[in-house]
Amino acid sequence: MSIEYLRRIPASVWFNAVAFEIGWLACVAGGNWAALLFALVYFPWHFSQFANAGEWRGWLVVAAAGIGMDQMLALSGVFDFGSTLLPLWLWVLWCLYATTLFHSLRWLTRRPLVAACVGAVAGPFSYYAGSLLGAARFGYELSLVMVILAVLWFVFMYVASCLVNWVSRDDPELLPVGV
C-alpha cells in the first residue's frame, strides 16, 4: 500500500476509524456515563459533518438489528450484563459500529462474503476483549459462546453489508476509495 493511496482516503474515513476505537474503549471500559458523553459529542458531529444523505436509514437498521441480536443473546443467557435489558453503553456502541459500515469499513461492505468472514472472527473477539475488561460475563463455556457469536456475526455482517450496498446504491460518495 503506497503513501499516495493513503493520502486519497478521505478524512471522514480516518476520523471514523479513530472515533470508533475511542468510542469502543469509552463504552466498554467507561460504562454508561462515558458512553452517553461520547454519544452526545460524536453523533451530532458525525451526522452534521460526515454522514451522507441516505446513511441514516441504513445506520438505523444496522444499529437496531445489532441491539436486537445482543438483546436476544442476553435474554438467552449467552451474555450477563447484570440486568435483562442491555446497558446504555452497548446501545451506543452499536450506533457507533453502524457508522463504520458507511465510512471506515465501507471498503469491506463492498464484499459481503469477505465482510461475513471477517465478522465471524473479529466480532467474537471484540466481545471477548470486552469481557476481559469486565463489561460483561458469558453465561456459557467460552468456546460455545465464541462459536455462537461467530455464526451470528457471519450472518449479521453478510446481511448488513448487503443492506449498506443497497442503501448506498445511488450515492457516489459512499463508493469505496478508488472506485
Foldseek 3Di string as FASTA:
>chain_A
DDPVLVVLADPLLVVLVVLLVVLLCQLLQVHDVSLVVSCVPPPVCCVVPPDDDLLVVLLVVQLVVQLVVVLVCLCVQQKCQPDSHDGNSSSSSSSSVSVNCQHNCVVVLVPLQSQLQCQLPVVLVSVVVSVVSVRIDGRDDSVVSSNVRSVVRSVSSSVSSVSSCVSCVVPPVSHDPPD
